[in-house]
All heavy atoms as atom14 arrays in JSON, in Angstrom:
{
  "sequence": "WARHDLTQSGAVTRLSQVDSESAPDQRIISNVVFMGMGEPLLN",
  "atom14_mask": [
    [1, 1, 1, 1, 1, 1, 1, 1, 1, 1, 1, 1, 1, 1],
    [1, 1, 1, 1, 1, 0, 0, 0, 0, 0, 0, 0, 0, 0],
    [1, 1, 1, 1, 1, 1, 1, 1, 1, 1, 1, 0, 0, 0],
    [1, 1, 1, 1, 1, 1, 1, 1, 1, 1, 0, 0, 0, 0],
    [1, 1, 1, 1, 1, 1, 1, 1, 0, 0, 0, 0, 0, 0],
    [1, 1, 1, 1, 1, 1, 1, 1, 0, 0, 0, 0, 0, 0],
    [1, 1, 1, 1, 1, 1, 1, 0, 0, 0, 0, 0, 0, 0],
    [1, 1, 1, 1, 1, 1, 1, 1, 1, 0, 0, 0, 0, 0],
    [1, 1, 1, 1, 1, 1, 0, 0, 0, 0, 0, 0, 0, 0],
    [1, 1, 1, 1, 0, 0, 0, 0, 0, 0, 0, 0, 0, 0],
    [1, 1, 1, 1, 1, 0, 0, 0, 0, 0, 0, 0, 0, 0],
    [1, 1, 1, 1, 1, 1, 1, 0, 0, 0, 0, 0, 0, 0],
    [1, 1, 1, 1, 1, 1, 1, 0, 0, 0, 0, 0, 0, 0],
    [1, 1, 1, 1, 1, 1, 1, 1, 1, 1, 1, 0, 0, 0],
    [1, 1, 1, 1, 1, 1, 1, 1, 0, 0, 0, 0, 0, 0],
    [1, 1, 1, 1, 1, 1, 0, 0, 0, 0, 0, 0, 0, 0],
    [1, 1, 1, 1, 1, 1, 1, 1, 1, 0, 0, 0, 0, 0],
    [1, 1, 1, 1, 1, 1, 1, 0, 0, 0, 0, 0, 0, 0],
    [1, 1, 1, 1, 1, 1, 1, 1, 0, 0, 0, 0, 0, 0],
    [1, 1, 1, 1, 1, 1, 0, 0, 0, 0, 0, 0, 0, 0],
    [1, 1, 1, 1, 1, 1, 1, 1, 1, 0, 0, 0, 0, 0],
    [1, 1, 1, 1, 1, 1, 0, 0, 0, 0, 0, 0, 0, 0],
    [1, 1, 1, 1, 1, 0, 0, 0, 0, 0, 0, 0, 0, 0],
    [1, 1, 1, 1, 1, 1, 1, 0, 0, 0, 0, 0, 0, 0],
    [1, 1, 1, 1, 1, 1, 1, 1, 0, 0, 0, 0, 0, 0],
    [1, 1, 1, 1, 1, 1, 1, 1, 1, 0, 0, 0, 0, 0],
    [1, 1, 1, 1, 1, 1, 1, 1, 1, 1, 1, 0, 0, 0],
    [1, 1, 1, 1, 1, 1, 1, 1, 0, 0, 0, 0, 0, 0],
    [1, 1, 1, 1, 1, 1, 1, 1, 0, 0, 0, 0, 0, 0],
    [1, 1, 1, 1, 1, 1, 0, 0, 0, 0, 0, 0, 0, 0],
    [1, 1, 1, 1, 1, 1, 1, 1, 0, 0, 0, 0, 0, 0],
    [1, 1, 1, 1, 1, 1, 1, 0, 0, 0, 0, 0, 0, 0],
    [1, 1, 1, 1, 1, 1, 1, 0, 0, 0, 0, 0, 0, 0],
    [1, 1, 1, 1, 1, 1, 1, 1, 1, 1, 1, 0, 0, 0],
    [1, 1, 1, 1, 1, 1, 1, 1, 0, 0, 0, 0, 0, 0],
    [1, 1, 1, 1, 0, 0, 0, 0, 0, 0, 0, 0, 0, 0],
    [1, 1, 1, 1, 1, 1, 1, 1, 0, 0, 0, 0, 0, 0],
    [1, 1, 1, 1, 0, 0, 0, 0, 0, 0, 0, 0, 0, 0],
    [1, 1, 1, 1, 1, 1, 1, 1, 1, 0, 0, 0, 0, 0],
    [1, 1, 1, 1, 1, 1, 1, 0, 0, 0, 0, 0, 0, 0],
    [1, 1, 1, 1, 1, 1, 1, 1, 0, 0, 0, 0, 0, 0],
    [1, 1, 1, 1, 1, 1, 1, 1, 0, 0, 0, 0, 0, 0],
    [1, 1, 1, 1, 1, 1, 1, 1, 0, 0, 0, 0, 0, 0]
  ],
  "atom14_positions": [
    [[-22.37, -24.36, -96.54], [-22.53, -23.88, -95.17], [-21.61, -24.62, -94.2], [-21.0, -24.0, -93.33], [-23.98, -24.03, -94.71], [-24.13, -23.62, -93.27], [-24.13, -24.42, -92.17], [-24.21, -22.28, -92.78], [-24.23, -23.69, -91.03], [-24.27, -22.37, -91.37], [-24.24, -21.03, -93.39], [-24.37, -21.22, -90.57], [-24.33, -19.9, -92.6], [-24.39, -20.01, -91.19]],
    [[-21.53, -25.93, -94.34], [-20.71, -26.72, -93.41], [-19.25, -26.26, -93.46], [-18.6, -26.1, -92.42], [-20.82, -28.2, -93.74], [0.0, 0.0, 0.0], [0.0, 0.0, 0.0], [0.0, 0.0, 0.0], [0.0, 0.0, 0.0], [0.0, 0.0, 0.0], [0.0, 0.0, 0.0], [0.0, 0.0, 0.0], [0.0, 0.0, 0.0], [0.0, 0.0, 0.0]],
    [[-18.73, -26.06, -94.65], [-17.33, -25.61, -94.76], [-17.15, -24.24, -94.11], [-16.17, -24.01, -93.39], [-16.9, -25.58, -96.23], [-15.41, -25.39, -96.4], [-14.98, -25.53, -97.84], [-15.52, -24.45, -98.67], [-15.17, -24.26, -99.94], [-14.34, -25.11, -100.52], [-15.68, -23.27, -100.63], [0.0, 0.0, 0.0], [0.0, 0.0, 0.0], [0.0, 0.0, 0.0]],
    [[-18.1, -23.34, -94.36], [-18.05, -22.01, -93.75], [-18.12, -22.11, -92.22], [-17.3, -21.49, -91.52], [-19.22, -21.17, -94.28], [-19.49, -19.93, -93.48], [-18.75, -18.78, -93.64], [-20.41, -19.67, -92.52], [-19.2, -17.86, -92.8], [-20.21, -18.36, -92.12], [0.0, 0.0, 0.0], [0.0, 0.0, 0.0], [0.0, 0.0, 0.0], [0.0, 0.0, 0.0]],
    [[-19.06, -22.89, -91.72], [-19.26, -22.98, -90.27], [-18.05, -23.6, -89.58], [-17.59, -23.13, -88.54], [-20.52, -23.78, -89.98], [-20.92, -23.72, -88.51], [-20.66, -22.69, -87.87], [-21.49, -24.71, -88.02], [0.0, 0.0, 0.0], [0.0, 0.0, 0.0], [0.0, 0.0, 0.0], [0.0, 0.0, 0.0], [0.0, 0.0, 0.0], [0.0, 0.0, 0.0]],
    [[-17.53, -24.68, -90.16], [-16.39, -25.35, -89.55], [-15.15, -24.46, -89.55], [-14.36, -24.45, -88.6], [-16.1, -26.66, -90.3], [-17.15, -27.75, -90.16], [-16.93, -28.84, -91.2], [-17.15, -28.35, -88.76], [0.0, 0.0, 0.0], [0.0, 0.0, 0.0], [0.0, 0.0, 0.0], [0.0, 0.0, 0.0], [0.0, 0.0, 0.0], [0.0, 0.0, 0.0]],
    [[-14.98, -23.69, -90.62], [-13.83, -22.79, -90.71], [-13.96, -21.66, -89.7], [-13.01, -21.33, -88.98], [-13.7, -22.22, -92.13], [-13.57, -23.3, -93.06], [-12.49, -21.31, -92.24], [0.0, 0.0, 0.0], [0.0, 0.0, 0.0], [0.0, 0.0, 0.0], [0.0, 0.0, 0.0], [0.0, 0.0, 0.0], [0.0, 0.0, 0.0], [0.0, 0.0, 0.0]],
    [[-15.15, -21.06, -89.66], [-15.35, -19.91, -88.78], [-15.3, -20.28, -87.3], [-14.79, -19.53, -86.48], [-16.71, -19.26, -89.09], [-16.79, -18.58, -90.44], [-15.79, -17.45, -90.58], [-14.84, -17.53, -91.35], [-15.99, -16.39, -89.81], [0.0, 0.0, 0.0], [0.0, 0.0, 0.0], [0.0, 0.0, 0.0], [0.0, 0.0, 0.0], [0.0, 0.0, 0.0]],
    [[-15.84, -21.46, -86.97], [-15.9, -21.84, -85.57], [-14.57, -22.33, -85.03], [-14.33, -22.32, -83.82], [-16.95, -22.94, -85.37], [-16.53, -24.15, -85.99], [0.0, 0.0, 0.0], [0.0, 0.0, 0.0], [0.0, 0.0, 0.0], [0.0, 0.0, 0.0], [0.0, 0.0, 0.0], [0.0, 0.0, 0.0], [0.0, 0.0, 0.0], [0.0, 0.0, 0.0]],
    [[-13.68, -22.76, -85.93], [-12.41, -23.32, -85.49], [-12.58, -24.6, -84.7], [-11.7, -25.01, -83.93], [0.0, 0.0, 0.0], [0.0, 0.0, 0.0], [0.0, 0.0, 0.0], [0.0, 0.0, 0.0], [0.0, 0.0, 0.0], [0.0, 0.0, 0.0], [0.0, 0.0, 0.0], [0.0, 0.0, 0.0], [0.0, 0.0, 0.0], [0.0, 0.0, 0.0]],
    [[-13.72, -25.28, -84.93], [-14.04, -26.48, -84.14], [-13.15, -27.65, -84.5], [-12.92, -28.54, -83.69], [-15.5, -26.87, -84.35], [0.0, 0.0, 0.0], [0.0, 0.0, 0.0], [0.0, 0.0, 0.0], [0.0, 0.0, 0.0], [0.0, 0.0, 0.0], [0.0, 0.0, 0.0], [0.0, 0.0, 0.0], [0.0, 0.0, 0.0], [0.0, 0.0, 0.0]],
    [[-12.65, -27.68, -85.72], [-11.76, -28.76, -86.13], [-10.55, -28.15, -86.83], [-10.62, -27.06, -87.39], [-12.47, -29.75, -87.09], [-13.59, -30.47, -86.38], [-13.02, -29.03, -88.31], [0.0, 0.0, 0.0], [0.0, 0.0, 0.0], [0.0, 0.0, 0.0], [0.0, 0.0, 0.0], [0.0, 0.0, 0.0], [0.0, 0.0, 0.0], [0.0, 0.0, 0.0]],
    [[-9.44, -28.85, -86.78], [-8.23, -28.38, -87.46], [-8.23, -28.87, -88.89], [-8.83, -29.89, -89.22], [-6.98, -28.91, -86.74], [-7.05, -30.34, -86.7], [-6.91, -28.37, -85.33], [0.0, 0.0, 0.0], [0.0, 0.0, 0.0], [0.0, 0.0, 0.0], [0.0, 0.0, 0.0], [0.0, 0.0, 0.0], [0.0, 0.0, 0.0], [0.0, 0.0, 0.0]],
    [[-7.56, -28.13, -89.73], [-7.47, -28.54, -91.13], [-6.65, -29.82, -91.27], [-5.74, -30.08, -90.52], [-6.84, -27.42, -91.97], [-7.74, -26.21, -92.11], [-7.09, -25.14, -92.97], [-7.99, -24.02, -93.13], [-8.91, -23.94, -94.09], [-9.03, -24.91, -94.95], [-9.69, -22.89, -94.18], [0.0, 0.0, 0.0], [0.0, 0.0, 0.0], [0.0, 0.0, 0.0]],
    [[-7.03, -30.59, -92.29], [-6.32, -31.84, -92.52], [-4.95, -31.55, -93.12], [-4.8, -30.7, -94.0], [-7.13, -32.7, -93.52], [-8.58, -32.99, -93.1], [-9.29, -33.68, -94.24], [-8.6, -33.82, -91.86], [0.0, 0.0, 0.0], [0.0, 0.0, 0.0], [0.0, 0.0, 0.0], [0.0, 0.0, 0.0], [0.0, 0.0, 0.0], [0.0, 0.0, 0.0]],
    [[-3.95, -32.26, -92.62], [-2.6, -32.03, -93.14], [-2.35, -32.85, -94.4], [-1.63, -32.44, -95.29], [-1.57, -32.39, -92.08], [-1.7, -33.75, -91.7], [0.0, 0.0, 0.0], [0.0, 0.0, 0.0], [0.0, 0.0, 0.0], [0.0, 0.0, 0.0], [0.0, 0.0, 0.0], [0.0, 0.0, 0.0], [0.0, 0.0, 0.0], [0.0, 0.0, 0.0]],
    [[-2.98, -34.03, -94.48], [-2.78, -34.86, -95.67], [-3.91, -35.86, -95.75], [-4.34, -36.41, -94.74], [-1.44, -35.59, -95.6], [-1.12, -36.33, -96.9], [0.34, -36.74, -96.96], [1.17, -36.14, -96.3], [0.64, -37.74, -97.74], [0.0, 0.0, 0.0], [0.0, 0.0, 0.0], [0.0, 0.0, 0.0], [0.0, 0.0, 0.0], [0.0, 0.0, 0.0]],
    [[-4.42, -36.08, -96.95], [-5.54, -37.0, -97.12], [-5.06, -38.43, -97.16], [-5.52, -39.28, -96.43], [-6.34, -36.64, -98.39], [-7.4, -37.7, -98.66], [-7.0, -35.29, -98.24], [0.0, 0.0, 0.0], [0.0, 0.0, 0.0], [0.0, 0.0, 0.0], [0.0, 0.0, 0.0], [0.0, 0.0, 0.0], [0.0, 0.0, 0.0], [0.0, 0.0, 0.0]],
    [[-4.14, -38.75, -98.04], [-3.56, -40.09, -98.06], [-2.26, -40.05, -98.85], [-1.88, -39.02, -99.4], [-4.54, -41.13, -98.62], [-4.96, -40.86, -100.05], [-4.19, -40.2, -100.79], [-6.04, -41.31, -100.44], [0.0, 0.0, 0.0], [0.0, 0.0, 0.0], [0.0, 0.0, 0.0], [0.0, 0.0, 0.0], [0.0, 0.0, 0.0], [0.0, 0.0, 0.0]],
    [[-1.59, -41.18, -98.9], [-0.28, -41.23, -99.55], [-0.37, -41.1, -101.06], [0.63, -40.88, -101.72], [0.41, -42.55, -99.19], [-0.37, -43.65, -99.62], [0.0, 0.0, 0.0], [0.0, 0.0, 0.0], [0.0, 0.0, 0.0], [0.0, 0.0, 0.0], [0.0, 0.0, 0.0], [0.0, 0.0, 0.0], [0.0, 0.0, 0.0], [0.0, 0.0, 0.0]],
    [[-1.58, -41.23, -101.63], [-1.73, -41.16, -103.08], [-1.8, -39.72, -103.57], [-1.73, -39.48, -104.77], [-2.99, -41.9, -103.52], [-2.99, -43.39, -103.19], [-4.3, -44.04, -103.56], [-5.21, -43.32, -104.0], [-4.4, -45.26, -103.42], [0.0, 0.0, 0.0], [0.0, 0.0, 0.0], [0.0, 0.0, 0.0], [0.0, 0.0, 0.0], [0.0, 0.0, 0.0]],
    [[-2.0, -38.77, -102.68], [-2.22, -37.41, -103.12], [-1.3, -36.44, -102.38], [-0.71, -36.75, -101.36], [-3.68, -37.01, -102.89], [-3.96, -37.03, -101.51], [0.0, 0.0, 0.0], [0.0, 0.0, 0.0], [0.0, 0.0, 0.0], [0.0, 0.0, 0.0], [0.0, 0.0, 0.0], [0.0, 0.0, 0.0], [0.0, 0.0, 0.0], [0.0, 0.0, 0.0]],
    [[-1.22, -35.24, -102.93], [-0.48, -34.18, -102.25], [-1.24, -33.76, -101.0], [-2.42, -34.04, -100.86], [-0.32, -33.0, -103.21], [0.0, 0.0, 0.0], [0.0, 0.0, 0.0], [0.0, 0.0, 0.0], [0.0, 0.0, 0.0], [0.0, 0.0, 0.0], [0.0, 0.0, 0.0], [0.0, 0.0, 0.0], [0.0, 0.0, 0.0], [0.0, 0.0, 0.0]],
    [[-0.56, -33.1, -100.06], [-1.26, -32.63, -98.87], [-2.51, -31.84, -99.23], [-2.51, -31.03, -100.14], [-0.21, -31.73, -98.19], [1.09, -32.31, -98.63], [0.86, -32.78, -100.04], [0.0, 0.0, 0.0], [0.0, 0.0, 0.0], [0.0, 0.0, 0.0], [0.0, 0.0, 0.0], [0.0, 0.0, 0.0], [0.0, 0.0, 0.0], [0.0, 0.0, 0.0]],
    [[-3.59, -32.09, -98.52], [-4.89, -31.49, -98.8], [-5.31, -30.67, -97.59], [-5.5, -31.22, -96.51], [-5.91, -32.59, -99.09], [-7.22, -32.05, -99.66], [-7.64, -30.96, -99.22], [-7.8, -32.7, -100.54], [0.0, 0.0, 0.0], [0.0, 0.0, 0.0], [0.0, 0.0, 0.0], [0.0, 0.0, 0.0], [0.0, 0.0, 0.0], [0.0, 0.0, 0.0]],
    [[-5.42, -29.37, -97.77], [-5.7, -28.48, -96.65], [-7.19, -28.24, -96.42], [-7.57, -27.39, -95.63], [-5.0, -27.14, -96.88], [-3.49, -27.25, -96.94], [-2.9, -27.84, -95.67], [-3.25, -27.42, -94.58], [-2.02, -28.8, -95.8], [0.0, 0.0, 0.0], [0.0, 0.0, 0.0], [0.0, 0.0, 0.0], [0.0, 0.0, 0.0], [0.0, 0.0, 0.0]],
    [[-8.05, -28.98, -97.11], [-9.48, -28.76, -96.96], [-10.02, -29.44, -95.71], [-9.67, -30.59, -95.42], [-10.23, -29.28, -98.19], [-9.99, -28.46, -99.43], [-10.6, -29.08, -100.65], [-9.94, -30.33, -101.01], [-10.06, -30.92, -102.19], [-10.8, -30.36, -103.11], [-9.44, -32.05, -102.45], [0.0, 0.0, 0.0], [0.0, 0.0, 0.0], [0.0, 0.0, 0.0]],
    [[-10.9, -28.76, -95.01], [-11.58, -29.39, -93.88], [-12.46, -30.53, -94.38], [-12.51, -31.61, -93.78], [-12.43, -28.34, -93.12], [-11.51, -27.44, -92.28], [-13.46, -29.0, -92.22], [-12.23, -26.34, -91.56], [0.0, 0.0, 0.0], [0.0, 0.0, 0.0], [0.0, 0.0, 0.0], [0.0, 0.0, 0.0], [0.0, 0.0, 0.0], [0.0, 0.0, 0.0]],
    [[-13.16, -30.3, -95.48], [-14.03, -31.34, -96.06], [-13.34, -31.9, -97.29], [-13.24, -31.23, -98.33], [-15.41, -30.76, -96.42], [-16.11, -30.25, -95.16], [-16.27, -31.82, -97.12], [-17.39, -29.47, -95.41], [0.0, 0.0, 0.0], [0.0, 0.0, 0.0], [0.0, 0.0, 0.0], [0.0, 0.0, 0.0], [0.0, 0.0, 0.0], [0.0, 0.0, 0.0]],
    [[-12.84, -33.11, -97.19], [-12.13, -33.75, -98.29], [-13.0, -34.78, -99.0], [-12.72, -35.15, -100.14], [-10.86, -34.44, -97.77], [-11.19, -35.45, -96.83], [0.0, 0.0, 0.0], [0.0, 0.0, 0.0], [0.0, 0.0, 0.0], [0.0, 0.0, 0.0], [0.0, 0.0, 0.0], [0.0, 0.0, 0.0], [0.0, 0.0, 0.0], [0.0, 0.0, 0.0]],
    [[-14.02, -35.28, -98.32], [-14.9, -36.33, -98.86], [-16.36, -35.91, -98.67], [-16.71, -35.31, -97.65], [-14.69, -37.65, -98.13], [-13.32, -38.25, -98.35], [-12.31, -37.58, -98.22], [-13.27, -39.52, -98.67], [0.0, 0.0, 0.0], [0.0, 0.0, 0.0], [0.0, 0.0, 0.0], [0.0, 0.0, 0.0], [0.0, 0.0, 0.0], [0.0, 0.0, 0.0]],
    [[-17.19, -36.27, -99.64], [-18.64, -36.07, -99.51], [-19.33, -37.39, -99.83], [-18.99, -38.06, -100.81], [-19.16, -34.97, -100.46], [-20.69, -34.89, -100.4], [-18.55, -33.62, -100.11], [0.0, 0.0, 0.0], [0.0, 0.0, 0.0], [0.0, 0.0, 0.0], [0.0, 0.0, 0.0], [0.0, 0.0, 0.0], [0.0, 0.0, 0.0], [0.0, 0.0, 0.0]],
    [[-20.27, -37.76, -98.97], [-21.04, -38.98, -99.19], [-22.53, -38.64, -99.21], [-23.01, -37.92, -98.34], [-20.74, -40.07, -98.13], [-19.31, -40.54, -98.24], [-21.02, -39.57, -96.72], [0.0, 0.0, 0.0], [0.0, 0.0, 0.0], [0.0, 0.0, 0.0], [0.0, 0.0, 0.0], [0.0, 0.0, 0.0], [0.0, 0.0, 0.0], [0.0, 0.0, 0.0]],
    [[-23.24, -39.12, -100.21], [-24.69, -38.97, -100.27], [-25.29, -40.13, -99.48], [-25.82, -41.09, -100.04], [-25.18, -38.97, -101.71], [-24.95, -37.68, -102.44], [-23.69, -37.32, -102.9], [-26.0, -36.8, -102.67], [-23.47, -36.13, -103.57], [-25.81, -35.6, -103.35], [-24.53, -35.26, -103.79], [0.0, 0.0, 0.0], [0.0, 0.0, 0.0], [0.0, 0.0, 0.0]],
    [[-25.17, -40.04, -98.16], [-25.67, -41.08, -97.27], [-26.58, -40.48, -96.2], [-26.87, -41.12, -95.2], [-24.5, -41.82, -96.61], [-23.63, -42.6, -97.57], [-22.31, -43.5, -96.71], [-21.43, -44.22, -98.11], [0.0, 0.0, 0.0], [0.0, 0.0, 0.0], [0.0, 0.0, 0.0], [0.0, 0.0, 0.0], [0.0, 0.0, 0.0], [0.0, 0.0, 0.0]],
    [[-27.01, -39.23, -96.42], [-27.93, -38.6, -95.5], [-29.36, -39.0, -95.81], [-29.63, -40.11, -96.28], [0.0, 0.0, 0.0], [0.0, 0.0, 0.0], [0.0, 0.0, 0.0], [0.0, 0.0, 0.0], [0.0, 0.0, 0.0], [0.0, 0.0, 0.0], [0.0, 0.0, 0.0], [0.0, 0.0, 0.0], [0.0, 0.0, 0.0], [0.0, 0.0, 0.0]],
    [[-30.27, -38.1, -95.57], [-31.68, -38.4, -95.77], [-32.0, -38.52, -97.26], [-31.58, -37.69, -98.06], [-32.52, -37.3, -95.12], [-32.32, -37.19, -93.62], [-33.11, -35.76, -92.87], [-34.84, -36.14, -93.14], [0.0, 0.0, 0.0], [0.0, 0.0, 0.0], [0.0, 0.0, 0.0], [0.0, 0.0, 0.0], [0.0, 0.0, 0.0], [0.0, 0.0, 0.0]],
    [[-32.76, -39.57, -97.61], [-33.23, -39.73, -98.98], [-32.45, -40.75, -99.79], [-31.35, -41.17, -99.43], [0.0, 0.0, 0.0], [0.0, 0.0, 0.0], [0.0, 0.0, 0.0], [0.0, 0.0, 0.0], [0.0, 0.0, 0.0], [0.0, 0.0, 0.0], [0.0, 0.0, 0.0], [0.0, 0.0, 0.0], [0.0, 0.0, 0.0], [0.0, 0.0, 0.0]],
    [[-33.04, -41.16, -100.89], [-32.41, -42.03, -101.89], [-31.92, -41.14, -103.03], [-32.73, -40.6, -103.81], [-33.42, -43.05, -102.41], [-33.05, -43.77, -103.7], [-31.67, -44.42, -103.7], [-31.47, -45.36, -102.9], [-30.8, -43.99, -104.49], [0.0, 0.0, 0.0], [0.0, 0.0, 0.0], [0.0, 0.0, 0.0], [0.0, 0.0, 0.0], [0.0, 0.0, 0.0]],
    [[-30.61, -40.92, -103.14], [-30.09, -39.95, -104.12], [-30.54, -40.2, -105.55], [-30.82, -39.25, -106.29], [-28.57, -40.1, -103.99], [-28.35, -40.71, -102.65], [-29.54, -41.55, -102.36], [0.0, 0.0, 0.0], [0.0, 0.0, 0.0], [0.0, 0.0, 0.0], [0.0, 0.0, 0.0], [0.0, 0.0, 0.0], [0.0, 0.0, 0.0], [0.0, 0.0, 0.0]],
    [[-30.59, -41.45, -105.97], [-30.89, -41.74, -107.36], [-32.37, -41.6, -107.7], [-32.75, -41.72, -108.87], [-30.37, -43.13, -107.74], [-28.84, -43.28, -107.67], [-28.4, -44.63, -108.21], [-28.12, -42.15, -108.4], [0.0, 0.0, 0.0], [0.0, 0.0, 0.0], [0.0, 0.0, 0.0], [0.0, 0.0, 0.0], [0.0, 0.0, 0.0], [0.0, 0.0, 0.0]],
    [[-33.2, -41.33, -106.7], [-34.6, -40.97, -106.97], [-34.77, -39.45, -107.05], [-35.88, -38.95, -107.22], [-35.52, -41.56, -105.9], [-35.65, -43.09, -105.93], [-36.59, -43.57, -104.83], [-36.12, -43.59, -107.29], [0.0, 0.0, 0.0], [0.0, 0.0, 0.0], [0.0, 0.0, 0.0], [0.0, 0.0, 0.0], [0.0, 0.0, 0.0], [0.0, 0.0, 0.0]],
    [[-33.67, -38.72, -106.95], [-33.64, -37.27, -107.18], [-32.48, -37.0, -108.14], [-31.58, -36.21, -107.86], [-33.45, -36.52, -105.86], [-33.51, -35.01, -106.03], [-33.98, -34.51, -107.05], [-33.02, -34.3, -105.03], [0.0, 0.0, 0.0], [0.0, 0.0, 0.0], [0.0, 0.0, 0.0], [0.0, 0.0, 0.0], [0.0, 0.0, 0.0], [0.0, 0.0, 0.0]]
  ]
}
């Protein structure tokens, strides 16, 4: 949903490059962290 919403809303521009170790990355979401609600390893 987040990728869909961010793309449709045009609220942020696409990333031109993630870092020098990789080729240019055109994804809005390049990283995911399980740091939201809950303890991931208990699910």
